[in-house]
Amino acid sequence: MNAIFILADSLNRHFLPLYGNGWVQAPNISRLAARGVTFTNHYTGSAPCMPARRDLWTGCLEFPWRPWGACETFDEHLGALCEKSVY
């Protein structure tokens, strides 16, 4: 399985043509989206960037429980979980 996860800070999905925007041109990401799967719903437990990344990559909801921080060394990341499911 190949997966590309695109995460962009301060980018609202309504500014991308693949989500219905008619005045922004983004031919490369539109072509990538046409060949793959795009998501229309997403809910995160943390709004700030670094806690939200940990939420996305590990499934651990962080921001309500501890101060600002990156992924921990003991966190099991999405990539490692995908690799386990292949073998």
PDB file of N, CA and C in Angstrom:
ATOM      1  N   MET A   1       0.840  -1.168   0.000  1.00  0.00           N
ATOM      2  CA  MET A   1       0.000   0.000   0.000  1.00  0.00           C
ATOM      3  C   MET A   1       0.892   1.241   0.000  1.00  0.00           C
ATOM      4  N   ASN A   2       0.568   2.185  -0.843  1.00  0.00           N
ATOM      5  CA  ASN A   2       1.256   3.473  -0.854  1.00  0.00           C
ATOM      6  C   ASN A   2       0.295   4.541  -0.355  1.00  0.00           C
ATOM      7  N   ALA A   3       0.785   5.393   0.503  1.00  0.00           N
ATOM      8  CA  ALA A   3      -0.043   6.469   1.041  1.00  0.00           C
ATOM      9  C   ALA A   3       0.741   7.770   1.036  1.00  0.00           C
ATOM     10  N   ILE A   4       0.084   8.820   0.619  1.00  0.00           N
ATOM     11  CA  ILE A   4       0.654  10.172   0.691  1.00  0.00           C
ATOM     12  C   ILE A   4      -0.291  10.979   1.566  1.00  0.00           C
ATOM     13  N   PHE A   5       0.248  11.501   2.632  1.00  0.00           N
ATOM     14  CA  PHE A   5      -0.540  12.299   3.569  1.00  0.00           C
ATOM     15  C   PHE A   5      -0.051  13.727   3.451  1.00  0.00           C
ATOM     16  N   ILE A   6      -0.903  14.630   3.014  1.00  0.00           N
ATOM     17  CA  ILE A   6      -0.519  16.035   2.848  1.00  0.00           C
ATOM     18  C   ILE A   6      -1.128  16.833   3.989  1.00  0.00           C
ATOM     19  N   LEU A   7      -0.266  17.480   4.740  1.00  0.00           N
ATOM     20  CA  LEU A   7      -0.699  18.305   5.857  1.00  0.00           C
ATOM     21  C   LEU A   7      -0.118  19.694   5.659  1.00  0.00           C
ATOM     22  N   ALA A   8      -0.971  20.684   5.557  1.00  0.00           N
ATOM     23  CA  ALA A   8      -0.518  22.060   5.338  1.00  0.00           C
ATOM     24  C   ALA A   8      -1.118  22.954   6.415  1.00  0.00           C
ATOM     25  N   ASP A   9      -0.257  23.664   7.119  1.00  0.00           N
ATOM     26  CA  ASP A   9      -0.736  24.607   8.128  1.00  0.00           C
ATOM     27  C   ASP A   9      -1.385  25.809   7.442  1.00  0.00           C
ATOM     28  N   SER A  10      -2.419  26.297   8.024  1.00  0.00           N
ATOM     29  CA  SER A  10      -3.094  27.528   7.576  1.00  0.00           C
ATOM     30  C   SER A  10      -3.636  27.433   6.155  1.00  0.00           C
ATOM     31  N   LEU A  11      -4.091  26.257   5.755  1.00  0.00           N
ATOM     32  CA  LEU A  11      -4.713  26.097   4.446  1.00  0.00           C
ATOM     33  C   LEU A  11      -6.119  25.569   4.655  1.00  0.00           C
ATOM     34  N   ASN A  12      -7.080  26.344   4.254  1.00  0.00           N
ATOM     35  CA  ASN A  12      -8.466  25.936   4.346  1.00  0.00           C
ATOM     36  C   ASN A  12      -8.815  25.124   3.114  1.00  0.00           C
ATOM     37  N   ARG A  13      -9.480  24.002   3.276  1.00  0.00           N
ATOM     38  CA  ARG A  13      -9.794  23.142   2.140  1.00  0.00           C
ATOM     39  C   ARG A  13     -10.653  23.841   1.095  1.00  0.00           C
ATOM     40  N   HIS A  14     -11.376  24.866   1.487  1.00  0.00           N
ATOM     41  CA  HIS A  14     -12.227  25.589   0.540  1.00  0.00           C
ATOM     42  C   HIS A  14     -11.420  26.387  -0.487  1.00  0.00           C
ATOM     43  N   PHE A  15     -10.109  26.452  -0.319  1.00  0.00           N
ATOM     44  CA  PHE A  15      -9.252  27.118  -1.291  1.00  0.00           C
ATOM     45  C   PHE A  15      -8.671  26.142  -2.310  1.00  0.00           C
ATOM     46  N   LEU A  16      -9.088  24.889  -2.285  1.00  0.00           N
ATOM     47  CA  LEU A  16      -8.582  23.897  -3.229  1.00  0.00           C
ATOM     48  C   LEU A  16      -9.669  23.527  -4.242  1.00  0.00           C
ATOM     49  N   PRO A  17      -9.304  23.418  -5.516  1.00  0.00           N
ATOM     50  CA  PRO A  17     -10.294  23.066  -6.542  1.00  0.00           C
ATOM     51  C   PRO A  17     -10.969  21.716  -6.289  1.00  0.00           C
ATOM     52  N   LEU A  18     -10.255  20.757  -5.736  1.00  0.00           N
ATOM     53  CA  LEU A  18     -10.847  19.442  -5.524  1.00  0.00           C
ATOM     54  C   LEU A  18     -11.975  19.464  -4.511  1.00  0.00           C
ATOM     55  N   TYR A  19     -12.069  20.533  -3.732  1.00  0.00           N
ATOM     56  CA  TYR A  19     -13.185  20.683  -2.800  1.00  0.00           C
ATOM     57  C   TYR A  19     -14.170  21.750  -3.259  1.00  0.00           C
ATOM     58  N   GLY A  20     -14.123  22.111  -4.539  1.00  0.00           N
ATOM     59  CA  GLY A  20     -15.139  22.981  -5.103  1.00  0.00           C
ATOM     60  C   GLY A  20     -14.738  24.413  -5.392  1.00  0.00           C
ATOM     61  N   ASN A  21     -13.510  24.829  -5.104  1.00  0.00           N
ATOM     62  CA  ASN A  21     -13.101  26.196  -5.387  1.00  0.00           C
ATOM     63  C   ASN A  21     -12.915  26.373  -6.891  1.00  0.00           C
ATOM     64  N   GLY A  22     -13.502  27.438  -7.451  1.00  0.00           N
ATOM     65  CA  GLY A  22     -13.433  27.658  -8.886  1.00  0.00           C
ATOM     66  C   GLY A  22     -12.420  28.692  -9.334  1.00  0.00           C
ATOM     67  N   TRP A  23     -11.838  29.443  -8.405  1.00  0.00           N
ATOM     68  CA  TRP A  23     -10.930  30.513  -8.838  1.00  0.00           C
ATOM     69  C   TRP A  23      -9.465  30.253  -8.515  1.00  0.00           C
ATOM     70  N   VAL A  24      -9.152  29.260  -7.711  1.00  0.00           N
ATOM     71  CA  VAL A  24      -7.757  28.895  -7.442  1.00  0.00           C
ATOM     72  C   VAL A  24      -7.355  27.789  -8.407  1.00  0.00           C
ATOM     73  N   GLN A  25      -6.156  27.905  -8.967  1.00  0.00           N
ATOM     74  CA  GLN A  25      -5.645  26.864  -9.853  1.00  0.00           C
ATOM     75  C   GLN A  25      -4.569  26.071  -9.122  1.00  0.00           C
ATOM     76  N   ALA A  26      -4.766  24.777  -9.032  1.00  0.00           N
ATOM     77  CA  ALA A  26      -3.800  23.878  -8.391  1.00  0.00           C
ATOM     78  C   ALA A  26      -3.791  22.570  -9.188  1.00  0.00           C
ATOM     79  N   PRO A  27      -3.243  22.602 -10.397  1.00  0.00           N
ATOM     80  CA  PRO A  27      -3.350  21.437 -11.282  1.00  0.00           C
ATOM     81  C   PRO A  27      -2.665  20.175 -10.741  1.00  0.00           C
ATOM     82  N   ASN A  28      -1.560  20.310 -10.063  1.00  0.00           N
ATOM     83  CA  ASN A  28      -0.860  19.121  -9.580  1.00  0.00           C
ATOM     84  C   ASN A  28      -1.618  18.410  -8.469  1.00  0.00           C
ATOM     85  N   ILE A  29      -2.096  19.170  -7.500  1.00  0.00           N
ATOM     86  CA  ILE A  29      -2.836  18.519  -6.410  1.00  0.00           C
ATOM     87  C   ILE A  29      -4.191  18.020  -6.913  1.00  0.00           C
ATOM     88  N   SER A  30      -4.776  18.698  -7.893  1.00  0.00           N
ATOM     89  CA  SER A  30      -6.034  18.227  -8.480  1.00  0.00           C
ATOM     90  C   SER A  30      -5.824  16.909  -9.214  1.00  0.00           C
ATOM     91  N   ARG A  31      -4.727  16.793  -9.934  1.00  0.00           N
ATOM     92  CA  ARG A  31      -4.413  15.555 -10.649  1.00  0.00           C
ATOM     93  C   ARG A  31      -4.146  14.417  -9.657  1.00  0.00           C
ATOM     94  N   LEU A  32      -3.417  14.705  -8.596  1.00  0.00           N
ATOM     95  CA  LEU A  32      -3.160  13.699  -7.569  1.00  0.00           C
ATOM     96  C   LEU A  32      -4.470  13.234  -6.931  1.00  0.00           C
ATOM     97  N   ALA A  33      -5.349  14.174  -6.631  1.00  0.00           N
ATOM     98  CA  ALA A  33      -6.635  13.835  -6.014  1.00  0.00           C
ATOM     99  C   ALA A  33      -7.503  13.006  -6.951  1.00  0.00           C
ATOM    100  N   ALA A  34      -7.444  13.283  -8.243  1.00  0.00           N
ATOM    101  CA  ALA A  34      -8.248  12.535  -9.215  1.00  0.00           C
ATOM    102  C   ALA A  34      -7.813  11.076  -9.296  1.00  0.00           C
ATOM    103  N   ARG A  35      -6.555  10.810  -8.998  1.00  0.00           N
ATOM    104  CA  ARG A  35      -6.021   9.442  -9.075  1.00  0.00           C
ATOM    105  C   ARG A  35      -6.072   8.705  -7.741  1.00  0.00           C
ATOM    106  N   GLY A  36      -6.496   9.368  -6.696  1.00  0.00           N
ATOM    107  CA  GLY A  36      -6.466   8.740  -5.371  1.00  0.00           C
ATOM    108  C   GLY A  36      -7.770   8.907  -4.626  1.00  0.00           C
ATOM    109  N   VAL A  37      -7.655   8.981  -3.324  1.00  0.00           N
ATOM    110  CA  VAL A  37      -8.803   9.121  -2.435  1.00  0.00           C
ATOM    111  C   VAL A  37      -8.653  10.436  -1.684  1.00  0.00           C
ATOM    112  N   THR A  38      -9.714  11.185  -1.604  1.00  0.00           N
ATOM    113  CA  THR A  38      -9.708  12.411  -0.799  1.00  0.00           C
ATOM    114  C   THR A  38     -10.758  12.262   0.304  1.00  0.00           C
ATOM    115  N   PHE A  39     -10.542  12.953   1.379  1.00  0.00           N
ATOM    116  CA  PHE A  39     -11.449  12.882   2.509  1.00  0.00           C
ATOM    117  C   PHE A  39     -12.281  14.152   2.586  1.00  0.00           C
ATOM    118  N   THR A  40     -13.547  13.988   2.917  1.00  0.00           N
ATOM    119  CA  THR A  40     -14.436  15.143   3.007  1.00  0.00           C
ATOM    120  C   THR A  40     -14.771  15.515   4.444  1.00  0.00           C
ATOM    121  N   ASN A  41     -14.511  14.622   5.381  1.00  0.00           N
ATOM    122  CA  ASN A  41     -14.787  14.904   6.794  1.00  0.00           C
ATOM    123  C   ASN A  41     -13.560  14.561   7.625  1.00  0.00           C
ATOM    124  N   HIS A  42     -13.233  15.437   8.528  1.00  0.00           N
ATOM    125  CA  HIS A  42     -12.144  15.165   9.458  1.00  0.00           C
ATOM    126  C   HIS A  42     -12.405  15.942  10.737  1.00  0.00           C
ATOM    127  N   TYR A  43     -12.161  15.308  11.846  1.00  0.00           N
ATOM    128  CA  TYR A  43     -12.322  15.949  13.148  1.00  0.00           C
ATOM    129  C   TYR A  43     -11.051  15.720  13.940  1.00  0.00           C
ATOM    130  N   THR A  44     -10.514  16.773  14.491  1.00  0.00           N
ATOM    131  CA  THR A  44      -9.302  16.648  15.289  1.00  0.00           C
ATOM    132  C   THR A  44      -9.585  17.096  16.715  1.00  0.00           C
ATOM    133  N   GLY A  45      -8.843  16.540  17.629  1.00  0.00           N
ATOM    134  CA  GLY A  45      -9.033  16.880  19.028  1.00  0.00           C
ATOM    135  C   GLY A  45      -8.272  18.117  19.457  1.00  0.00           C
ATOM    136  N   SER A  46      -7.352  18.593  18.620  1.00  0.00           N
ATOM    137  CA  SER A  46      -6.509  19.733  18.973  1.00  0.00           C
ATOM    138  C   SER A  46      -6.435  20.700  17.795  1.00  0.00           C
ATOM    139  N   ALA A  47      -6.629  21.966  18.070  1.00  0.00           N
ATOM    140  CA  ALA A  47      -6.549  22.956  16.996  1.00  0.00           C
ATOM    141  C   ALA A  47      -5.116  23.444  16.726  1.00  0.00           C
ATOM    142  N   PRO A  48      -4.269  23.652  17.741  1.00  0.00           N
ATOM    143  CA  PRO A  48      -2.904  24.106  17.436  1.00  0.00           C
ATOM    144  C   PRO A  48      -2.137  23.068  16.618  1.00  0.00           C
ATOM    145  N   CYS A  49      -1.192  23.527  15.832  1.00  0.00           N
ATOM    146  CA  CYS A  49      -0.488  22.677  14.854  1.00  0.00           C
ATOM    147  C   CYS A  49       0.178  21.437  15.435  1.00  0.00           C
ATOM    148  N   MET A  50       1.101  21.602  16.379  1.00  0.00           N
ATOM    149  CA  MET A  50       1.861  20.446  16.875  1.00  0.00           C
ATOM    150  C   MET A  50       0.975  19.422  17.580  1.00  0.00           C
ATOM    151  N   PRO A  51       0.086  19.810  18.465  1.00  0.00           N
ATOM    152  CA  PRO A  51      -0.799  18.801  19.063  1.00  0.00           C
ATOM    153  C   PRO A  51      -1.687  18.126  18.023  1.00  0.00           C
ATOM    154  N   ALA A  52      -2.164  18.879  17.036  1.00  0.00           N
ATOM    155  CA  ALA A  52      -2.999  18.289  15.993  1.00  0.00           C
ATOM    156  C   ALA A  52      -2.214  17.253  15.195  1.00  0.00           C
ATOM    157  N   ARG A  53      -0.941  17.501  14.936  1.00  0.00           N
ATOM    158  CA  ARG A  53      -0.114  16.519  14.230  1.00  0.00           C
ATOM    159  C   ARG A  53      -0.015  15.228  15.034  1.00  0.00           C
ATOM    160  N   ARG A  54       0.165  15.337  16.325  1.00  0.00           N
ATOM    161  CA  ARG A  54       0.231  14.121  17.150  1.00  0.00           C
ATOM    162  C   ARG A  54      -1.112  13.399  17.114  1.00  0.00           C
ATOM    163  N   ASP A  55      -2.205  14.145  17.166  1.00  0.00           N
ATOM    164  CA  ASP A  55      -3.528  13.530  17.050  1.00  0.00           C
ATOM    165  C   ASP A  55      -3.635  12.728  15.759  1.00  0.00           C
ATOM    166  N   LEU A  56      -3.217  13.337  14.657  1.00  0.00           N
ATOM    167  CA  LEU A  56      -3.338  12.699  13.346  1.00  0.00           C
ATOM    168  C   LEU A  56      -2.417  11.499  13.188  1.00  0.00           C
ATOM    169  N   TRP A  57      -1.175  11.627  13.608  1.00  0.00           N
ATOM    170  CA  TRP A  57      -0.184  10.575  13.376  1.00  0.00           C
ATOM    171  C   TRP A  57      -0.297   9.411  14.336  1.00  0.00           C
ATOM    172  N   THR A  58      -0.814   9.635  15.526  1.00  0.00           N
ATOM    173  CA  THR A  58      -0.802   8.570  16.531  1.00  0.00           C
ATOM    174  C   THR A  58      -2.182   8.202  17.056  1.00  0.00           C
ATOM    175  N   GLY A  59      -3.156   9.056  16.888  1.00  0.00           N
ATOM    176  CA  GLY A  59      -4.478   8.792  17.443  1.00  0.00           C
ATOM    177  C   GLY A  59      -4.604   9.181  18.902  1.00  0.00           C
ATOM    178  N   CYS A  60      -3.558   9.790  19.471  1.00  0.00           N
ATOM    179  CA  CYS A  60      -3.579  10.234  20.872  1.00  0.00           C
ATOM    180  C   CYS A  60      -4.085  11.662  20.940  1.00  0.00           C
ATOM    181  N   LEU A  61      -5.195  11.878  21.597  1.00  0.00           N
ATOM    182  CA  LEU A  61      -5.675  13.238  21.784  1.00  0.00           C
ATOM    183  C   LEU A  61      -4.831  13.888  22.869  1.00  0.00           C
ATOM    184  N   GLU A  62      -4.166  14.966  22.519  1.00  0.00           N
ATOM    185  CA  GLU A  62      -3.134  15.492  23.402  1.00  0.00           C
ATOM    186  C   GLU A  62      -3.481  16.804  24.087  1.00  0.00           C
ATOM    187  N   PHE A  63      -3.926  17.780  23.367  1.00  0.00           N
ATOM    188  CA  PHE A  63      -3.957  19.150  23.865  1.00  0.00           C
ATOM    189  C   PHE A  63      -4.757  19.345  25.154  1.00  0.00           C
ATOM    190  N   PRO A  64      -5.872  18.640  25.355  1.00  0.00           N
ATOM    191  CA  PRO A  64      -6.596  18.854  26.622  1.00  0.00           C
ATOM    192  C   PRO A  64      -5.839  18.360  27.852  1.00  0.00           C
ATOM    193  N   TRP A  65      -4.848  17.468  27.673  1.00  0.00           N
ATOM    194  CA  TRP A  65      -4.227  16.790  28.810  1.00  0.00           C
ATOM    195  C   TRP A  65      -2.828  17.271  29.160  1.00  0.00           C
ATOM    196  N   ARG A  66      -2.148  17.899  28.221  1.00  0.00           N
ATOM    197  CA  ARG A  66      -0.776  18.326  28.512  1.00  0.00           C
ATOM    198  C   ARG A  66      -0.433  19.546  27.681  1.00  0.00           C
ATOM    199  N   PRO A  67       0.628  20.232  28.028  1.00  0.00           N
ATOM    200  CA  PRO A  67       0.991  21.426  27.259  1.00  0.00           C
ATOM    201  C   PRO A  67       1.487  21.064  25.854  1.00  0.00           C
ATOM    202  N   TRP A  68       1.700  22.067  25.084  1.00  0.00           N
ATOM    203  CA  TRP A  68       2.173  21.974  23.711  1.00  0.00           C
ATOM    204  C   TRP A  68       3.364  21.033  23.592  1.00  0.00           C
ATOM    205  N   GLY A  69       3.328  20.121  22.646  1.00  0.00           N
ATOM    206  CA  GLY A  69       4.455  19.224  22.467  1.00  0.00           C
ATOM    207  C   GLY A  69       4.351  18.395  21.203  1.00  0.00           C
ATOM    208  N   ALA A  70       5.469  17.857  20.792  1.00  0.00           N
ATOM    209  CA  ALA A  70       5.534  17.039  19.581  1.00  0.00           C
ATOM    210  C   ALA A  70       5.239  15.577  19.920  1.00  0.00           C
ATOM    211  N   CYS A  71       5.371  14.705  18.933  1.00  0.00           N
ATOM    212  CA  CYS A  71       5.195  13.273  19.155  1.00  0.00           C
ATOM    213  C   CYS A  71       6.252  12.776  20.138  1.00  0.00           C
ATOM    214  N   GLU A  72       5.868  11.811  20.936  1.00  0.00           N
ATOM    215  CA  GLU A  72       6.771  11.217  21.917  1.00  0.00           C
ATOM    216  C   GLU A  72       7.493  10.022  21.304  1.00  0.00           C
ATOM    217  N   THR A  73       8.610   9.636  21.900  1.00  0.00           N
ATOM    218  CA  THR A  73       9.369   8.491  21.394  1.00  0.00           C
ATOM    219  C   THR A  73       8.595   7.188  21.546  1.00  0.00           C
ATOM    220  N   PHE A  74       7.687   7.132  22.498  1.00  0.00           N
ATOM    221  CA  PHE A  74       6.912   5.913  22.725  1.00  0.00           C
ATOM    222  C   PHE A  74       5.646   5.846  21.869  1.00  0.00           C
ATOM    223  N   ASP A  75       5.325   6.911  21.148  1.00  0.00           N
ATOM    224  CA  ASP A  75       4.135   6.921  20.300  1.00  0.00           C
ATOM    225  C   ASP A  75       4.299   5.958  19.129  1.00  0.00           C
ATOM    226  N   GLU A  76       3.243   5.239  18.803  1.00  0.00           N
ATOM    227  CA  GLU A  76       3.247   4.374  17.629  1.00  0.00           C
ATOM    228  C   GLU A  76       2.644   5.176  16.477  1.00  0.00           C
ATOM    229  N   HIS A  77       3.459   5.465  15.483  1.00  0.00           N
ATOM    230  CA  HIS A  77       3.055   6.342  14.397  1.00  0.00           C
ATOM    231  C   HIS A  77       2.259   5.597  13.335  1.00  0.00           C
ATOM    232  N   LEU A  78       1.490   6.346  12.571  1.00  0.00           N
ATOM    233  CA  LEU A  78       0.659   5.807  11.504  1.00  0.00           C
ATOM    234  C   LEU A  78       1.464   4.959  10.522  1.00  0.00           C
ATOM    235  N   GLY A  79       2.640   5.420  10.140  1.00  0.00           N
ATOM    236  CA  GLY A  79       3.479   4.663   9.210  1.00  0.00           C
ATOM    237  C   GLY A  79       3.856   3.299   9.749  1.00  0.00           C
ATOM    238  N   ALA A  80       4.206   3.225  11.023  1.00  0.00           N
ATOM    239  CA  ALA A  80       4.570   1.948  11.645  1.00  0.00           C
ATOM    240  C   ALA A  80       3.358   1.018  11.713  1.00  0.00           C
ATOM    241  N   LEU A  81       2.196   1.578  11.993  1.00  0.00           N
ATOM    242  CA  LEU A  81       0.987   0.762  12.048  1.00  0.00           C
ATOM    243  C   LEU A  81       0.632   0.209  10.676  1.00  0.00           C
ATOM    244  N   CYS A  82       0.798   1.020   9.627  1.00  0.00           N
ATOM    245  CA  CYS A  82       0.532   0.561   8.257  1.00  0.00           C
ATOM    246  C   CYS A  82       1.508  -0.538   7.870  1.00  0.00           C
ATOM    247  N   GLU A  83       2.763  -0.373   8.255  1.00  0.00           N
ATOM    248  CA  GLU A  83       3.773  -1.386   7.934  1.00  0.00           C
ATOM    249  C   GLU A  83       3.447  -2.711   8.606  1.00  0.00           C
ATOM    250  N   LYS A  84       2.968  -2.665   9.840  1.00  0.00           N
ATOM    251  CA  LYS A  84       2.602  -3.883  10.559  1.00  0.00           C
ATOM    252  C   LYS A  84       1.451  -4.612   9.858  1.00  0.00           C
ATOM    253  N   SER A  85       0.501  -3.854   9.321  1.00  0.00           N
ATOM    254  CA  SER A  85      -0.675  -4.476   8.709  1.00  0.00           C
ATOM    255  C   SER A  85      -0.344  -5.162   7.392  1.00  0.00           C
ATOM    256  N   VAL A  86       0.784  -4.794   6.765  1.00  0.00           N
ATOM    257  CA  VAL A  86       1.173  -5.384   5.486  1.00  0.00           C
ATOM    258  C   VAL A  86       1.770  -6.763   5.704  1.00  0.00           C
ATOM    259  N   TYR A  87       2.516  -6.942   6.781  1.00  0.00           N
ATOM    260  CA  TYR A  87       3.247  -8.206   6.984  1.00  0.00           C
ATOM    261  C   TYR A  87       2.526  -9.156   7.872  1.00  0.00           C
TER     262      TYR A  87
END
